């Protein structure tokens, strides 16, 4: 129960972060492509089907790996749509570490400076 509560709190914080970035700076021109945070795959893990770089942007979560993906964040899952294939990725954030898991692999990413 405690673990589930922690994930709910993290999900709410991410939602607040993303909505706050969209609404902040009324006198500024908003840049929806501005990167809020970036994570890079740890040296001890080599992604096979997951990307090396993960970024948070005001419009949502984006993953850059040379391919075209679209995303939908729902609860604790990232739904990834690529062509006719779709897959659910679960994720968690603990401090400066982001963990993304699929059915076949789990990759730990470390937060970097933008």
PDB file of N, CA and C in Angstrom:
ATOM      1  N   UNK A   1       0.815  -1.195   0.000  1.00  0.00           N
ATOM      2  CA  UNK A   1       0.000   0.000   0.000  1.00  0.00           C
ATOM      3  C   UNK A   1       0.858   1.258   0.000  1.00  0.00           C
ATOM      4  N   UNK A   2       1.959   1.229   0.760  1.00  0.00           N
ATOM      5  CA  UNK A   2       2.851   2.383   0.825  1.00  0.00           C
ATOM      6  C   UNK A   2       3.493   2.622  -0.534  1.00  0.00           C
ATOM      7  N   UNK A   3       3.897   1.538  -1.212  1.00  0.00           N
ATOM      8  CA  UNK A   3       4.529   1.666  -2.516  1.00  0.00           C
ATOM      9  C   UNK A   3       3.550   2.266  -3.524  1.00  0.00           C
ATOM     10  N   UNK A   4       2.289   1.820  -3.480  1.00  0.00           N
ATOM     11  CA  UNK A   4       1.272   2.343  -4.385  1.00  0.00           C
ATOM     12  C   UNK A   4       1.038   3.822  -4.112  1.00  0.00           C
ATOM     13  N   UNK A   5       0.996   4.222  -2.846  1.00  0.00           N
ATOM     14  CA  UNK A   5       0.808   5.619  -2.486  1.00  0.00           C
ATOM     15  C   UNK A   5       1.966   6.470  -2.989  1.00  0.00           C
ATOM     16  N   UNK A   6       3.176   5.936  -2.888  1.00  0.00           N
ATOM     17  CA  UNK A   6       4.352   6.664  -3.358  1.00  0.00           C
ATOM     18  C   UNK A   6       4.265   6.915  -4.856  1.00  0.00           C
ATOM     19  N   UNK A   7       3.834   5.912  -5.614  1.00  0.00           N
ATOM     20  CA  UNK A   7       3.706   6.079  -7.053  1.00  0.00           C
ATOM     21  C   UNK A   7       2.619   7.090  -7.402  1.00  0.00           C
ATOM     22  N   UNK A   8       1.525   7.094  -6.639  1.00  0.00           N
ATOM     23  CA  UNK A   8       0.456   8.067  -6.882  1.00  0.00           C
ATOM     24  C   UNK A   8       0.981   9.479  -6.638  1.00  0.00           C
ATOM     25  N   UNK A   9       1.746   9.657  -5.571  1.00  0.00           N
ATOM     26  CA  UNK A   9       2.315  10.971  -5.264  1.00  0.00           C
ATOM     27  C   UNK A   9       3.269  11.404  -6.366  1.00  0.00           C
ATOM     28  N   UNK A  10       4.116  10.494  -6.843  1.00  0.00           N
ATOM     29  CA  UNK A  10       5.056  10.821  -7.915  1.00  0.00           C
ATOM     30  C   UNK A  10       4.303  11.207  -9.180  1.00  0.00           C
ATOM     31  N   UNK A  11       3.258  10.456  -9.521  1.00  0.00           N
ATOM     32  CA  UNK A  11       2.467  10.759 -10.720  1.00  0.00           C
ATOM     33  C   UNK A  11       1.818  12.134 -10.608  1.00  0.00           C
ATOM     34  N   UNK A  12       1.294  12.453  -9.424  1.00  0.00           N
ATOM     35  CA  UNK A  12       0.689  13.768  -9.221  1.00  0.00           C
ATOM     36  C   UNK A  12       1.721  14.882  -9.326  1.00  0.00           C
ATOM     37  N   UNK A  13       2.908  14.663  -8.788  1.00  0.00           N
ATOM     38  CA  UNK A  13       3.967  15.663  -8.883  1.00  0.00           C
ATOM     39  C   UNK A  13       4.372  15.907 -10.331  1.00  0.00           C
ATOM     40  N   UNK A  14       4.451  14.842 -11.114  1.00  0.00           N
ATOM     41  CA  UNK A  14       4.795  14.993 -12.526  1.00  0.00           C
ATOM     42  C   UNK A  14       3.712  15.804 -13.240  1.00  0.00           C
ATOM     43  N   UNK A  15       2.443  15.480 -12.957  1.00  0.00           N
ATOM     44  CA  UNK A  15       1.336  16.231 -13.569  1.00  0.00           C
ATOM     45  C   UNK A  15       1.401  17.704 -13.186  1.00  0.00           C
ATOM     46  N   UNK A  16       1.659  17.990 -11.905  1.00  0.00           N
ATOM     47  CA  UNK A  16       1.758  19.378 -11.461  1.00  0.00           C
ATOM     48  C   UNK A  16       2.935  20.080 -12.120  1.00  0.00           C
ATOM     49  N   UNK A  17       4.064  19.400 -12.232  1.00  0.00           N
ATOM     50  CA  UNK A  17       5.230  19.963 -12.871  1.00  0.00           C
ATOM     51  C   UNK A  17       4.920  20.317 -14.317  1.00  0.00           C
ATOM     52  N   UNK A  18       4.308  19.378 -15.025  1.00  0.00           N
ATOM     53  CA  UNK A  18       4.011  19.619 -16.435  1.00  0.00           C
ATOM     54  C   UNK A  18       2.977  20.722 -16.610  1.00  0.00           C
ATOM     55  N   UNK A  19       1.929  20.757 -15.803  1.00  0.00           N
ATOM     56  CA  UNK A  19       0.905  21.798 -15.935  1.00  0.00           C
ATOM     57  C   UNK A  19       1.449  23.155 -15.496  1.00  0.00           C
ATOM     58  N   UNK A  20       2.303  23.169 -14.483  1.00  0.00           N
ATOM     59  CA  UNK A  20       2.904  24.419 -14.030  1.00  0.00           C
ATOM     60  C   UNK A  20       3.804  25.026 -15.075  1.00  0.00           C
ATOM     61  N   UNK A  21       4.512  24.204 -15.810  1.00  0.00           N
ATOM     62  CA  UNK A  21       5.394  24.709 -16.853  1.00  0.00           C
ATOM     63  C   UNK A  21       4.594  25.259 -18.020  1.00  0.00           C
ATOM     64  N   UNK A  22       3.442  24.695 -18.290  1.00  0.00           N
ATOM     65  CA  UNK A  22       2.617  25.174 -19.388  1.00  0.00           C
ATOM     66  C   UNK A  22       1.991  26.513 -19.052  1.00  0.00           C
ATOM     67  N   UNK A  23       1.703  26.766 -17.777  1.00  0.00           N
ATOM     68  CA  UNK A  23       0.994  27.975 -17.391  1.00  0.00           C
ATOM     69  C   UNK A  23       1.906  29.075 -16.868  1.00  0.00           C
ATOM     70  N   UNK A  24       3.179  28.808 -16.671  1.00  0.00           N
ATOM     71  CA  UNK A  24       4.070  29.795 -16.079  1.00  0.00           C
ATOM     72  C   UNK A  24       4.541  30.806 -17.110  1.00  0.00           C
ATOM     73  N   UNK A  25       4.935  31.990 -16.615  1.00  0.00           N
ATOM     74  CA  UNK A  25       5.522  32.995 -17.482  1.00  0.00           C
ATOM     75  C   UNK A  25       4.556  33.611 -18.463  1.00  0.00           C
ATOM     76  N   UNK A  26       3.505  34.256 -17.979  1.00  0.00           N
ATOM     77  CA  UNK A  26       2.497  34.824 -18.869  1.00  0.00           C
ATOM     78  C   UNK A  26       3.071  35.924 -19.754  1.00  0.00           C
ATOM     79  N   UNK A  27       4.144  36.597 -19.328  1.00  0.00           N
ATOM     80  CA  UNK A  27       4.751  37.637 -20.140  1.00  0.00           C
ATOM     81  C   UNK A  27       5.802  37.098 -21.098  1.00  0.00           C
ATOM     82  N   UNK A  28       6.098  35.832 -21.008  1.00  0.00           N
ATOM     83  CA  UNK A  28       7.122  35.226 -21.849  1.00  0.00           C
ATOM     84  C   UNK A  28       6.475  34.458 -22.986  1.00  0.00           C
ATOM     85  N   UNK A  29       7.235  34.285 -24.058  1.00  0.00           N
ATOM     86  CA  UNK A  29       6.786  33.406 -25.126  1.00  0.00           C
ATOM     87  C   UNK A  29       7.103  31.986 -24.693  1.00  0.00           C
ATOM     88  N   UNK A  30       6.076  31.138 -24.667  1.00  0.00           N
ATOM     89  CA  UNK A  30       6.297  29.760 -24.228  1.00  0.00           C
ATOM     90  C   UNK A  30       6.961  28.944 -25.326  1.00  0.00           C
ATOM     91  N   UNK A  31       7.900  28.129 -24.925  1.00  0.00           N
ATOM     92  CA  UNK A  31       8.559  27.218 -25.853  1.00  0.00           C
ATOM     93  C   UNK A  31       8.173  25.812 -25.443  1.00  0.00           C
ATOM     94  N   UNK A  32       7.237  25.219 -26.150  1.00  0.00           N
ATOM     95  CA  UNK A  32       6.740  23.898 -25.780  1.00  0.00           C
ATOM     96  C   UNK A  32       7.776  22.807 -26.026  1.00  0.00           C
ATOM     97  N   UNK A  33       8.859  23.124 -26.740  1.00  0.00           N
ATOM     98  CA  UNK A  33       9.919  22.146 -26.966  1.00  0.00           C
ATOM     99  C   UNK A  33      11.048  22.272 -25.953  1.00  0.00           C
ATOM    100  N   UNK A  34      10.915  23.226 -25.017  1.00  0.00           N
ATOM    101  CA  UNK A  34      11.931  23.410 -23.991  1.00  0.00           C
ATOM    102  C   UNK A  34      12.055  22.139 -23.152  1.00  0.00           C
ATOM    103  N   UNK A  35      13.282  21.702 -22.930  1.00  0.00           N
ATOM    104  CA  UNK A  35      13.520  20.495 -22.151  1.00  0.00           C
ATOM    105  C   UNK A  35      13.568  20.864 -20.676  1.00  0.00           C
ATOM    106  N   UNK A  36      12.727  20.204 -19.880  1.00  0.00           N
ATOM    107  CA  UNK A  36      12.689  20.438 -18.438  1.00  0.00           C
ATOM    108  C   UNK A  36      13.744  19.578 -17.746  1.00  0.00           C
ATOM    109  N   UNK A  37      13.850  18.325 -18.128  1.00  0.00           N
ATOM    110  CA  UNK A  37      14.816  17.408 -17.516  1.00  0.00           C
ATOM    111  C   UNK A  37      15.227  16.370 -18.550  1.00  0.00           C
ATOM    112  N   UNK A  38      16.450  15.893 -18.437  1.00  0.00           N
ATOM    113  CA  UNK A  38      16.980  14.889 -19.354  1.00  0.00           C
ATOM    114  C   UNK A  38      17.623  13.770 -18.556  1.00  0.00           C
ATOM    115  N   UNK A  39      17.364  12.541 -18.957  1.00  0.00           N
ATOM    116  CA  UNK A  39      18.001  11.379 -18.368  1.00  0.00           C
ATOM    117  C   UNK A  39      18.727  10.606 -19.463  1.00  0.00           C
ATOM    118  N   UNK A  40      19.905  10.061 -19.127  1.00  0.00           N
ATOM    119  CA  UNK A  40      20.695   9.260 -20.057  1.00  0.00           C
ATOM    120  C   UNK A  40      20.875   7.881 -19.454  1.00  0.00           C
ATOM    121  N   UNK A  41      20.844   6.859 -20.314  1.00  0.00           N
ATOM    122  CA  UNK A  41      20.991   5.482 -19.836  1.00  0.00           C
ATOM    123  C   UNK A  41      22.298   5.319 -19.078  1.00  0.00           C
ATOM    124  N   UNK A  42      22.231   4.625 -17.955  1.00  0.00           N
ATOM    125  CA  UNK A  42      23.426   4.364 -17.144  1.00  0.00           C
ATOM    126  C   UNK A  42      24.420   3.533 -17.935  1.00  0.00           C
ATOM    127  N   UNK A  43      25.685   3.676 -17.599  1.00  0.00           N
ATOM    128  CA  UNK A  43      26.729   2.947 -18.315  1.00  0.00           C
ATOM    129  C   UNK A  43      26.642   1.444 -18.107  1.00  0.00           C
ATOM    130  N   UNK A  44      26.048   1.013 -16.985  1.00  0.00           N
ATOM    131  CA  UNK A  44      25.984  -0.417 -16.704  1.00  0.00           C
ATOM    132  C   UNK A  44      24.768  -1.095 -17.344  1.00  0.00           C
ATOM    133  N   UNK A  45      23.936  -0.316 -18.065  1.00  0.00           N
ATOM    134  CA  UNK A  45      22.798  -0.906 -18.773  1.00  0.00           C
ATOM    135  C   UNK A  45      22.847  -0.483 -20.234  1.00  0.00           C
ATOM    136  N   UNK A  46      22.630  -1.411 -21.133  1.00  0.00           N
ATOM    137  CA  UNK A  46      22.634  -1.110 -22.559  1.00  0.00           C
ATOM    138  C   UNK A  46      21.239  -1.344 -23.115  1.00  0.00           C
ATOM    139  N   UNK A  47      20.543  -0.256 -23.514  1.00  0.00           N
ATOM    140  CA  UNK A  47      19.194  -0.420 -24.044  1.00  0.00           C
ATOM    141  C   UNK A  47      19.178  -1.204 -25.348  1.00  0.00           C
ATOM    142  N   UNK A  48      18.229  -2.119 -25.467  1.00  0.00           N
ATOM    143  CA  UNK A  48      18.036  -2.868 -26.701  1.00  0.00           C
ATOM    144  C   UNK A  48      16.869  -2.256 -27.471  1.00  0.00           C
ATOM    145  N   UNK A  49      15.703  -2.207 -26.856  1.00  0.00           N
ATOM    146  CA  UNK A  49      14.523  -1.629 -27.487  1.00  0.00           C
ATOM    147  C   UNK A  49      14.125  -0.289 -26.883  1.00  0.00           C
ATOM    148  N   UNK A  50      14.810   0.120 -25.833  1.00  0.00           N
ATOM    149  CA  UNK A  50      14.534   1.405 -25.192  1.00  0.00           C
ATOM    150  C   UNK A  50      15.563   2.430 -25.665  1.00  0.00           C
ATOM    151  N   UNK A  51      15.229   3.712 -25.598  1.00  0.00           N
ATOM    152  CA  UNK A  51      16.151   4.753 -26.069  1.00  0.00           C
ATOM    153  C   UNK A  51      17.273   5.025 -25.071  1.00  0.00           C
ATOM    154  N   UNK A  52      18.309   5.722 -25.537  1.00  0.00           N
ATOM    155  CA  UNK A  52      19.415   6.106 -24.674  1.00  0.00           C
ATOM    156  C   UNK A  52      19.116   7.394 -23.911  1.00  0.00           C
ATOM    157  N   UNK A  53      18.299   8.276 -24.506  1.00  0.00           N
ATOM    158  CA  UNK A  53      18.020   9.580 -23.901  1.00  0.00           C
ATOM    159  C   UNK A  53      16.519   9.755 -23.721  1.00  0.00           C
ATOM    160  N   UNK A  54      16.105  10.194 -22.534  1.00  0.00           N
ATOM    161  CA  UNK A  54      14.700  10.457 -22.241  1.00  0.00           C
ATOM    162  C   UNK A  54      14.596  11.907 -21.780  1.00  0.00           C
ATOM    163  N   UNK A  55      13.614  12.648 -22.299  1.00  0.00           N
ATOM    164  CA  UNK A  55      13.458  14.044 -21.915  1.00  0.00           C
ATOM    165  C   UNK A  55      12.039  14.331 -21.467  1.00  0.00           C
ATOM    166  N   UNK A  56      11.896  15.214 -20.481  1.00  0.00           N
ATOM    167  CA  UNK A  56      10.597  15.762 -20.102  1.00  0.00           C
ATOM    168  C   UNK A  56      10.490  17.132 -20.744  1.00  0.00           C
ATOM    169  N   UNK A  57       9.352  17.420 -21.368  1.00  0.00           N
ATOM    170  CA  UNK A  57       9.078  18.706 -21.986  1.00  0.00           C
ATOM    171  C   UNK A  57       7.736  19.213 -21.459  1.00  0.00           C
ATOM    172  N   UNK A  58       7.429  20.516 -21.611  1.00  0.00           N
ATOM    173  CA  UNK A  58       6.142  21.033 -21.133  1.00  0.00           C
ATOM    174  C   UNK A  58       4.940  20.318 -21.757  1.00  0.00           C
ATOM    175  N   UNK A  59       5.099  19.789 -22.970  1.00  0.00           N
ATOM    176  CA  UNK A  59       3.982  19.115 -23.630  1.00  0.00           C
ATOM    177  C   UNK A  59       3.854  17.662 -23.205  1.00  0.00           C
ATOM    178  N   UNK A  60       4.771  17.157 -22.403  1.00  0.00           N
ATOM    179  CA  UNK A  60       4.697  15.773 -21.970  1.00  0.00           C
ATOM    180  C   UNK A  60       6.057  15.111 -22.043  1.00  0.00           C
ATOM    181  N   UNK A  61       6.048  13.809 -21.987  1.00  0.00           N
ATOM    182  CA  UNK A  61       7.299  13.060 -22.007  1.00  0.00           C
ATOM    183  C   UNK A  61       7.679  12.779 -23.449  1.00  0.00           C
ATOM    184  N   UNK A  62       8.921  13.006 -23.787  1.00  0.00           N
ATOM    185  CA  UNK A  62       9.391  12.727 -25.138  1.00  0.00           C
ATOM    186  C   UNK A  62      10.609  11.849 -25.093  1.00  0.00           C
ATOM    187  N   UNK A  63      10.736  10.969 -26.044  1.00  0.00           N
ATOM    188  CA  UNK A  63      11.908  10.106 -26.089  1.00  0.00           C
ATOM    189  C   UNK A  63      12.568  10.255 -27.449  1.00  0.00           C
ATOM    190  N   UNK A  64      13.862  10.549 -27.432  1.00  0.00           N
ATOM    191  CA  UNK A  64      14.594  10.735 -28.677  1.00  0.00           C
ATOM    192  C   UNK A  64      15.475   9.514 -28.913  1.00  0.00           C
ATOM    193  N   UNK A  65      15.237   8.819 -29.985  1.00  0.00           N
ATOM    194  CA  UNK A  65      16.103   7.687 -30.317  1.00  0.00           C
ATOM    195  C   UNK A  65      16.230   7.521 -31.824  1.00  0.00           C
ATOM    196  N   UNK A  66      15.930   8.568 -32.574  1.00  0.00           N
ATOM    197  CA  UNK A  66      16.026   8.492 -34.020  1.00  0.00           C
ATOM    198  C   UNK A  66      14.779   7.928 -34.675  1.00  0.00           C
ATOM    199  N   UNK A  67      13.813   7.518 -33.879  1.00  0.00           N
ATOM    200  CA  UNK A  67      12.572   6.974 -34.418  1.00  0.00           C
ATOM    201  C   UNK A  67      11.422   7.916 -34.096  1.00  0.00           C
ATOM    202  N   UNK A  68      10.304   7.673 -34.714  1.00  0.00           N
ATOM    203  CA  UNK A  68       9.130   8.496 -34.470  1.00  0.00           C
ATOM    204  C   UNK A  68       8.204   7.792 -33.493  1.00  0.00           C
ATOM    205  N   UNK A  69       7.979   8.400 -32.339  1.00  0.00           N
ATOM    206  CA  UNK A  69       7.090   7.848 -31.335  1.00  0.00           C
ATOM    207  C   UNK A  69       6.098   8.913 -30.895  1.00  0.00           C
ATOM    208  N   UNK A  70       4.948   8.487 -30.460  1.00  0.00           N
ATOM    209  CA  UNK A  70       4.048   9.389 -29.748  1.00  0.00           C
ATOM    210  C   UNK A  70       3.744   8.751 -28.409  1.00  0.00           C
ATOM    211  N   UNK A  71       3.355   9.576 -27.430  1.00  0.00           N
ATOM    212  CA  UNK A  71       3.226   9.093 -26.066  1.00  0.00           C
ATOM    213  C   UNK A  71       1.915   9.504 -25.435  1.00  0.00           C
ATOM    214  N   UNK A  72       1.485   8.713 -24.503  1.00  0.00           N
ATOM    215  CA  UNK A  72       0.349   9.073 -23.651  1.00  0.00           C
ATOM    216  C   UNK A  72       0.715   8.592 -22.251  1.00  0.00           C
ATOM    217  N   UNK A  73       0.729   9.513 -21.289  1.00  0.00           N
ATOM    218  CA  UNK A  73       1.038   9.139 -19.913  1.00  0.00           C
ATOM    219  C   UNK A  73      -0.272   8.926 -19.184  1.00  0.00           C
ATOM    220  N   UNK A  74      -0.431   7.756 -18.609  1.00  0.00           N
ATOM    221  CA  UNK A  74      -1.643   7.435 -17.873  1.00  0.00           C
ATOM    222  C   UNK A  74      -1.250   6.705 -16.603  1.00  0.00           C
ATOM    223  N   UNK A  75      -1.450   7.351 -15.469  1.00  0.00           N
ATOM    224  CA  UNK A  75      -1.072   6.725 -14.209  1.00  0.00           C
ATOM    225  C   UNK A  75       0.421   6.485 -14.165  1.00  0.00           C
ATOM    226  N   UNK A  76       0.808   5.229 -14.093  1.00  0.00           N
ATOM    227  CA  UNK A  76       2.220   4.892 -14.002  1.00  0.00           C
ATOM    228  C   UNK A  76       2.745   4.313 -15.295  1.00  0.00           C
ATOM    229  N   UNK A  77       1.964   4.388 -16.370  1.00  0.00           N
ATOM    230  CA  UNK A  77       2.379   3.784 -17.628  1.00  0.00           C
ATOM    231  C   UNK A  77       2.578   4.827 -18.712  1.00  0.00           C
ATOM    232  N   UNK A  78       3.551   4.570 -19.557  1.00  0.00           N
ATOM    233  CA  UNK A  78       3.753   5.375 -20.752  1.00  0.00           C
ATOM    234  C   UNK A  78       3.332   4.486 -21.913  1.00  0.00           C
ATOM    235  N   UNK A  79       2.301   4.875 -22.634  1.00  0.00           N
ATOM    236  CA  UNK A  79       1.873   4.096 -23.778  1.00  0.00           C
ATOM    237  C   UNK A  79       2.628   4.607 -25.001  1.00  0.00           C
ATOM    238  N   UNK A  80       3.333   3.722 -25.663  1.00  0.00           N
ATOM    239  CA  UNK A  80       4.187   4.092 -26.779  1.00  0.00           C
ATOM    240  C   UNK A  80       3.563   3.583 -28.071  1.00  0.00           C
ATOM    241  N   UNK A  81       3.391   4.487 -29.020  1.00  0.00           N
ATOM    242  CA  UNK A  81       2.806   4.124 -30.300  1.00  0.00           C
ATOM    243  C   UNK A  81       3.853   4.338 -31.380  1.00  0.00           C
ATOM    244  N   UNK A  82       4.188   3.300 -32.092  1.00  0.00           N
ATOM    245  CA  UNK A  82       5.183   3.381 -33.158  1.00  0.00           C
ATOM    246  C   UNK A  82       4.650   2.588 -34.342  1.00  0.00           C
ATOM    247  N   UNK A  83       4.132   3.287 -35.340  1.00  0.00           N
ATOM    248  CA  UNK A  83       3.552   2.596 -36.486  1.00  0.00           C
ATOM    249  C   UNK A  83       2.355   1.772 -36.059  1.00  0.00           C
ATOM    250  N   UNK A  84       2.367   0.492 -36.382  1.00  0.00           N
ATOM    251  CA  UNK A  84       1.253  -0.380 -36.008  1.00  0.00           C
ATOM    252  C   UNK A  84       1.495  -1.062 -34.666  1.00  0.00           C
ATOM    253  N   UNK A  85       2.698  -0.920 -34.121  1.00  0.00           N
ATOM    254  CA  UNK A  85       3.023  -1.555 -32.840  1.00  0.00           C
ATOM    255  C   UNK A  85       2.714  -0.607 -31.688  1.00  0.00           C
ATOM    256  N   UNK A  86       2.249  -1.158 -30.606  1.00  0.00           N
ATOM    257  CA  UNK A  86       2.098  -0.355 -29.395  1.00  0.00           C
ATOM    258  C   UNK A  86       2.553  -1.200 -28.217  1.00  0.00           C
ATOM    259  N   UNK A  87       3.082  -0.541 -27.236  1.00  0.00           N
ATOM    260  CA  UNK A  87       3.646  -1.233 -26.087  1.00  0.00           C
ATOM    261  C   UNK A  87       3.461  -0.341 -24.868  1.00  0.00           C
ATOM    262  N   UNK A  88       3.322  -0.948 -23.705  1.00  0.00           N
ATOM    263  CA  UNK A  88       3.215  -0.182 -22.474  1.00  0.00           C
ATOM    264  C   UNK A  88       4.543  -0.231 -21.738  1.00  0.00           C
ATOM    265  N   UNK A  89       5.055   0.938 -21.384  1.00  0.00           N
ATOM    266  CA  UNK A  89       6.270   1.032 -20.594  1.00  0.00           C
ATOM    267  C   UNK A  89       5.887   1.538 -19.224  1.00  0.00           C
ATOM    268  N   UNK A  90       6.331   0.868 -18.171  1.00  0.00           N
ATOM    269  CA  UNK A  90       6.121   1.393 -16.825  1.00  0.00           C
ATOM    270  C   UNK A  90       7.365   2.169 -16.421  1.00  0.00           C
ATOM    271  N   UNK A  91       7.173   3.202 -15.598  1.00  0.00           N
ATOM    272  CA  UNK A  91       8.322   4.007 -15.198  1.00  0.00           C
ATOM    273  C   UNK A  91       8.201   4.440 -13.750  1.00  0.00           C
ATOM    274  N   UNK A  92       9.347   4.739 -13.156  1.00  0.00           N
ATOM    275  CA  UNK A  92       9.370   5.301 -11.813  1.00  0.00           C
ATOM    276  C   UNK A  92      10.547   6.251 -11.712  1.00  0.00           C
ATOM    277  N   UNK A  93      10.402   7.256 -10.862  1.00  0.00           N
ATOM    278  CA  UNK A  93      11.460   8.228 -10.634  1.00  0.00           C
ATOM    279  C   UNK A  93      11.817   8.186  -9.163  1.00  0.00           C
ATOM    280  N   UNK A  94      13.107   8.035  -8.887  1.00  0.00           N
ATOM    281  CA  UNK A  94      13.595   8.013  -7.516  1.00  0.00           C
ATOM    282  C   UNK A  94      14.829   8.908  -7.457  1.00  0.00           C
ATOM    283  N   UNK A  95      14.659  10.122  -6.946  1.00  0.00           N
ATOM    284  CA  UNK A  95      15.772  11.074  -6.912  1.00  0.00           C
ATOM    285  C   UNK A  95      16.174  11.465  -8.324  1.00  0.00           C
ATOM    286  N   UNK A  96      17.440  11.231  -8.672  1.00  0.00           N
ATOM    287  CA  UNK A  96      17.911  11.573 -10.012  1.00  0.00           C
ATOM    288  C   UNK A  96      17.926  10.365 -10.941  1.00  0.00           C
ATOM    289  N   UNK A  97      17.253   9.286 -10.536  1.00  0.00           N
ATOM    290  CA  UNK A  97      17.204   8.071 -11.362  1.00  0.00           C
ATOM    291  C   UNK A  97      15.790   7.855 -11.907  1.00  0.00           C
ATOM    292  N   UNK A  98      15.712   7.544 -13.183  1.00  0.00           N
ATOM    293  CA  UNK A  98      14.469   7.201 -13.861  1.00  0.00           C
ATOM    294  C   UNK A  98      14.602   5.756 -14.314  1.00  0.00           C
ATOM    295  N   UNK A  99      13.622   4.921 -13.985  1.00  0.00           N
ATOM    296  CA  UNK A  99      13.629   3.522 -14.407  1.00  0.00           C
ATOM    297  C   UNK A  99      12.459   3.298 -15.344  1.00  0.00           C
ATOM    298  N   UNK A 100      12.756   2.761 -16.531  1.00  0.00           N
ATOM    299  CA  UNK A 100      11.703   2.409 -17.489  1.00  0.00           C
ATOM    300  C   UNK A 100      11.781   0.909 -17.725  1.00  0.00           C
ATOM    301  N   UNK A 101      10.623   0.244 -17.650  1.00  0.00           N
ATOM    302  CA  UNK A 101      10.573  -1.206 -17.825  1.00  0.00           C
ATOM    303  C   UNK A 101       9.587  -1.572 -18.924  1.00  0.00           C
ATOM    304  N   UNK A 102       9.956  -2.573 -19.707  1.00  0.00           N
ATOM    305  CA  UNK A 102       9.049  -3.179 -20.683  1.00  0.00           C
ATOM    306  C   UNK A 102       8.951  -4.655 -20.313  1.00  0.00           C
ATOM    307  N   UNK A 103       8.292  -5.424 -21.137  1.00  0.00           N
ATOM    308  CA  UNK A 103       8.219  -6.860 -20.873  1.00  0.00           C
ATOM    309  C   UNK A 103       9.572  -7.533 -21.010  1.00  0.00           C
ATOM    310  N   UNK A 104      10.469  -6.935 -21.807  1.00  0.00           N
ATOM    311  CA  UNK A 104      11.742  -7.591 -22.095  1.00  0.00           C
ATOM    312  C   UNK A 104      12.957  -6.958 -21.447  1.00  0.00           C
ATOM    313  N   UNK A 105      12.867  -5.720 -20.969  1.00  0.00           N
ATOM    314  CA  UNK A 105      14.050  -5.086 -20.386  1.00  0.00           C
ATOM    315  C   UNK A 105      13.687  -3.979 -19.410  1.00  0.00           C
ATOM    316  N   UNK A 106      14.635  -3.682 -18.542  1.00  0.00           N
ATOM    317  CA  UNK A 106      14.525  -2.573 -17.594  1.00  0.00           C
ATOM    318  C   UNK A 106      15.803  -1.762 -17.700  1.00  0.00           C
ATOM    319  N   UNK A 107      15.661  -0.470 -17.929  1.00  0.00           N
ATOM    320  CA  UNK A 107      16.819   0.402 -18.061  1.00  0.00           C
ATOM    321  C   UNK A 107      16.742   1.485 -16.991  1.00  0.00           C
ATOM    322  N   UNK A 108      17.879   1.746 -16.356  1.00  0.00           N
ATOM    323  CA  UNK A 108      17.987   2.806 -15.359  1.00  0.00           C
ATOM    324  C   UNK A 108      18.697   3.982 -16.012  1.00  0.00           C
ATOM    325  N   UNK A 109      18.072   5.159 -15.919  1.00  0.00           N
ATOM    326  CA  UNK A 109      18.624   6.379 -16.488  1.00  0.00           C
ATOM    327  C   UNK A 109      19.046   7.308 -15.363  1.00  0.00           C
ATOM    328  N   UNK A 110      20.112   8.085 -15.592  1.00  0.00           N
ATOM    329  CA  UNK A 110      20.589   9.058 -14.612  1.00  0.00           C
ATOM    330  C   UNK A 110      20.320  10.453 -15.149  1.00  0.00           C
ATOM    331  N   UNK A 111      19.787  11.319 -14.269  1.00  0.00           N
ATOM    332  CA  UNK A 111      19.466  12.680 -14.668  1.00  0.00           C
ATOM    333  C   UNK A 111      20.736  13.451 -14.964  1.00  0.00           C
ATOM    334  N   UNK A 112      20.695  14.261 -16.024  1.00  0.00           N
ATOM    335  CA  UNK A 112      21.837  15.085 -16.410  1.00  0.00           C
ATOM    336  C   UNK A 112      21.438  16.544 -16.371  1.00  0.00           C
ATOM    337  N   UNK A 113      22.429  17.433 -16.428  1.00  0.00           N
ATOM    338  CA  UNK A 113      22.147  18.869 -16.541  1.00  0.00           C
ATOM    339  C   UNK A 113      21.789  19.168 -17.979  1.00  0.00           C
ATOM    340  N   UNK A 114      20.821  20.071 -18.166  1.00  0.00           N
ATOM    341  CA  UNK A 114      20.400  20.423 -19.538  1.00  0.00           C
ATOM    342  C   UNK A 114      21.356  21.396 -20.155  1.00  0.00           C
TER     343      UNK A 114
END
